[in-house]
N, C-alpha and C. Protein backbone atom coordinates (compact mmCIF):
# COMPACT_ATOMS: atom_id res chain seq x y z
N UNK A 1 -141.81 57.85 -78.26
CA UNK A 1 -143.08 58.45 -77.86
C UNK A 1 -143.53 59.48 -78.88
N UNK A 2 -142.62 60.30 -79.33
CA UNK A 2 -142.95 61.33 -80.32
C UNK A 2 -143.43 60.71 -81.63
N UNK A 3 -142.80 59.61 -82.03
CA UNK A 3 -143.21 58.91 -83.25
C UNK A 3 -144.64 58.38 -83.11
N UNK A 4 -144.95 57.84 -81.95
CA UNK A 4 -146.30 57.32 -81.69
C UNK A 4 -147.34 58.43 -81.82
N UNK A 5 -147.04 59.60 -81.27
CA UNK A 5 -147.98 60.72 -81.33
C UNK A 5 -148.16 61.17 -82.77
N UNK A 6 -147.07 61.28 -83.52
CA UNK A 6 -147.16 61.68 -84.94
C UNK A 6 -147.98 60.68 -85.74
N UNK A 7 -147.73 59.39 -85.52
CA UNK A 7 -148.48 58.36 -86.26
C UNK A 7 -149.95 58.37 -85.87
N UNK A 8 -150.25 58.67 -84.61
CA UNK A 8 -151.65 58.74 -84.18
C UNK A 8 -152.37 59.87 -84.89
N UNK A 9 -151.74 61.04 -84.97
CA UNK A 9 -152.36 62.16 -85.68
C UNK A 9 -152.53 61.85 -87.17
N UNK A 10 -151.57 61.20 -87.77
CA UNK A 10 -151.69 60.81 -89.18
C UNK A 10 -152.86 59.86 -89.39
N UNK A 11 -153.01 58.91 -88.49
CA UNK A 11 -154.13 57.97 -88.60
C UNK A 11 -155.46 58.69 -88.45
N UNK A 12 -155.54 59.64 -87.52
CA UNK A 12 -156.77 60.40 -87.34
C UNK A 12 -157.11 61.20 -88.59
N UNK A 13 -156.09 61.76 -89.25
CA UNK A 13 -156.35 62.57 -90.45
C UNK A 13 -156.71 61.71 -91.65
N UNK A 14 -156.10 60.54 -91.80
CA UNK A 14 -156.23 59.77 -93.04
C UNK A 14 -157.17 58.58 -92.97
N UNK A 15 -157.31 57.96 -91.81
CA UNK A 15 -158.04 56.69 -91.75
C UNK A 15 -159.36 56.74 -90.99
N UNK A 16 -159.64 57.82 -90.29
CA UNK A 16 -160.86 57.91 -89.49
C UNK A 16 -161.92 58.65 -90.28
N UNK A 17 -163.13 58.08 -90.28
CA UNK A 17 -164.26 58.75 -90.93
C UNK A 17 -165.01 59.54 -89.86
N UNK A 18 -165.06 60.84 -90.03
CA UNK A 18 -165.70 61.71 -89.06
C UNK A 18 -167.14 61.97 -89.46
N UNK A 19 -168.02 62.09 -88.46
CA UNK A 19 -169.41 62.44 -88.70
C UNK A 19 -169.52 63.92 -89.05
N UNK A 20 -170.59 64.27 -89.77
CA UNK A 20 -170.80 65.70 -89.99
C UNK A 20 -171.28 66.35 -88.70
N UNK A 21 -171.19 67.66 -88.63
CA UNK A 21 -171.46 68.39 -87.39
C UNK A 21 -172.89 68.18 -86.90
N UNK A 22 -173.87 68.14 -87.82
CA UNK A 22 -175.28 67.98 -87.42
C UNK A 22 -175.52 66.62 -86.76
N UNK A 23 -175.01 65.58 -87.39
CA UNK A 23 -175.22 64.24 -86.83
C UNK A 23 -174.48 64.09 -85.50
N UNK A 24 -173.28 64.63 -85.40
CA UNK A 24 -172.53 64.56 -84.15
C UNK A 24 -173.27 65.31 -83.04
N UNK A 25 -173.85 66.46 -83.36
CA UNK A 25 -174.61 67.23 -82.37
C UNK A 25 -175.83 66.45 -81.90
N UNK A 26 -176.53 65.83 -82.83
CA UNK A 26 -177.71 65.04 -82.47
C UNK A 26 -177.33 63.88 -81.56
N UNK A 27 -176.25 63.20 -81.89
CA UNK A 27 -175.81 62.08 -81.06
C UNK A 27 -175.36 62.55 -79.68
N UNK A 28 -174.75 63.73 -79.62
CA UNK A 28 -174.33 64.28 -78.33
C UNK A 28 -175.54 64.54 -77.45
N UNK A 29 -176.62 65.05 -78.03
CA UNK A 29 -177.84 65.30 -77.27
C UNK A 29 -178.42 63.98 -76.77
N UNK A 30 -178.44 62.97 -77.61
CA UNK A 30 -178.96 61.65 -77.21
C UNK A 30 -178.15 61.10 -76.04
N UNK A 31 -176.83 61.18 -76.13
CA UNK A 31 -175.97 60.67 -75.05
C UNK A 31 -176.22 61.47 -73.77
N UNK A 32 -176.36 62.78 -73.87
CA UNK A 32 -176.59 63.61 -72.69
C UNK A 32 -177.92 63.25 -72.03
N UNK A 33 -178.97 63.07 -72.82
CA UNK A 33 -180.29 62.74 -72.27
C UNK A 33 -180.25 61.38 -71.57
N UNK A 34 -179.67 60.37 -72.21
CA UNK A 34 -179.60 59.06 -71.58
C UNK A 34 -178.71 59.08 -70.35
N UNK A 35 -177.67 59.89 -70.34
CA UNK A 35 -176.81 60.00 -69.16
C UNK A 35 -177.59 60.59 -67.99
N UNK A 36 -178.40 61.60 -68.27
CA UNK A 36 -179.22 62.21 -67.22
C UNK A 36 -180.26 61.22 -66.70
N UNK A 37 -180.91 60.51 -67.61
CA UNK A 37 -181.91 59.51 -67.20
C UNK A 37 -181.26 58.42 -66.35
N UNK A 38 -180.09 57.94 -66.77
CA UNK A 38 -179.40 56.90 -66.01
C UNK A 38 -178.97 57.41 -64.64
N UNK A 39 -178.51 58.65 -64.58
CA UNK A 39 -178.12 59.24 -63.29
C UNK A 39 -179.32 59.35 -62.36
N UNK A 40 -180.46 59.78 -62.89
CA UNK A 40 -181.67 59.88 -62.07
C UNK A 40 -182.14 58.51 -61.60
N UNK A 41 -182.05 57.51 -62.46
CA UNK A 41 -182.45 56.15 -62.07
C UNK A 41 -181.52 55.62 -60.97
N UNK A 42 -180.24 55.87 -61.10
CA UNK A 42 -179.28 55.44 -60.08
C UNK A 42 -179.55 56.15 -58.76
N UNK A 43 -179.82 57.44 -58.83
CA UNK A 43 -180.15 58.20 -57.62
C UNK A 43 -181.41 57.63 -56.96
N UNK A 44 -182.42 57.32 -57.77
CA UNK A 44 -183.67 56.77 -57.23
C UNK A 44 -183.46 55.45 -56.53
N UNK A 45 -182.71 54.56 -57.13
CA UNK A 45 -182.44 53.25 -56.51
C UNK A 45 -181.63 53.45 -55.24
N UNK A 46 -180.67 54.36 -55.25
CA UNK A 46 -179.87 54.65 -54.06
C UNK A 46 -180.75 55.17 -52.93
N UNK A 47 -181.66 56.08 -53.24
CA UNK A 47 -182.57 56.61 -52.22
C UNK A 47 -183.46 55.50 -51.66
N UNK A 48 -183.97 54.65 -52.53
CA UNK A 48 -184.83 53.55 -52.10
C UNK A 48 -184.09 52.61 -51.15
N UNK A 49 -182.89 52.19 -51.55
CA UNK A 49 -182.11 51.29 -50.68
C UNK A 49 -181.74 51.98 -49.38
N UNK A 50 -181.45 53.26 -49.43
CA UNK A 50 -181.11 54.00 -48.22
C UNK A 50 -182.28 53.99 -47.24
N UNK A 51 -183.47 54.23 -47.74
CA UNK A 51 -184.66 54.23 -46.89
C UNK A 51 -184.94 52.82 -46.34
N UNK A 52 -184.78 51.80 -47.19
CA UNK A 52 -185.00 50.43 -46.74
C UNK A 52 -184.01 50.04 -45.65
N UNK A 53 -182.75 50.39 -45.81
CA UNK A 53 -181.75 50.08 -44.79
C UNK A 53 -182.05 50.85 -43.51
N UNK A 54 -182.46 52.11 -43.65
CA UNK A 54 -182.84 52.89 -42.47
C UNK A 54 -183.99 52.27 -41.73
N UNK A 55 -185.03 51.84 -42.44
CA UNK A 55 -186.16 51.18 -41.80
C UNK A 55 -185.76 49.87 -41.12
N UNK A 56 -184.90 49.12 -41.76
CA UNK A 56 -184.43 47.85 -41.20
C UNK A 56 -183.72 48.08 -39.88
N UNK A 57 -182.80 49.06 -39.84
CA UNK A 57 -182.06 49.30 -38.61
C UNK A 57 -182.93 49.97 -37.53
N UNK A 58 -183.95 50.71 -37.93
CA UNK A 58 -184.88 51.25 -36.93
C UNK A 58 -185.63 50.11 -36.24
N UNK A 59 -185.99 49.10 -37.01
CA UNK A 59 -186.70 47.94 -36.43
C UNK A 59 -185.80 47.17 -35.47
N UNK A 60 -184.53 47.04 -35.81
CA UNK A 60 -183.60 46.28 -34.96
C UNK A 60 -183.26 47.07 -33.71
N UNK A 61 -182.93 48.36 -33.86
CA UNK A 61 -182.50 49.17 -32.73
C UNK A 61 -183.69 49.67 -31.90
N UNK A 62 -184.72 50.11 -32.61
CA UNK A 62 -185.83 50.77 -31.96
C UNK A 62 -186.83 49.81 -31.41
């Protein structure tokens, strides 16, 4: 296990190409914005289905 961890850190240092800080920050903002938009869309669909199911059961029971 220790060898695996050491080799992983070596690979990160030698073989991975890292983005510069500005580009990484810009991409982080893009991911955050799309995550918020997706969460709001999911919430909206959930609310819509909730209301539709509520109306359906009101018609059956009421």
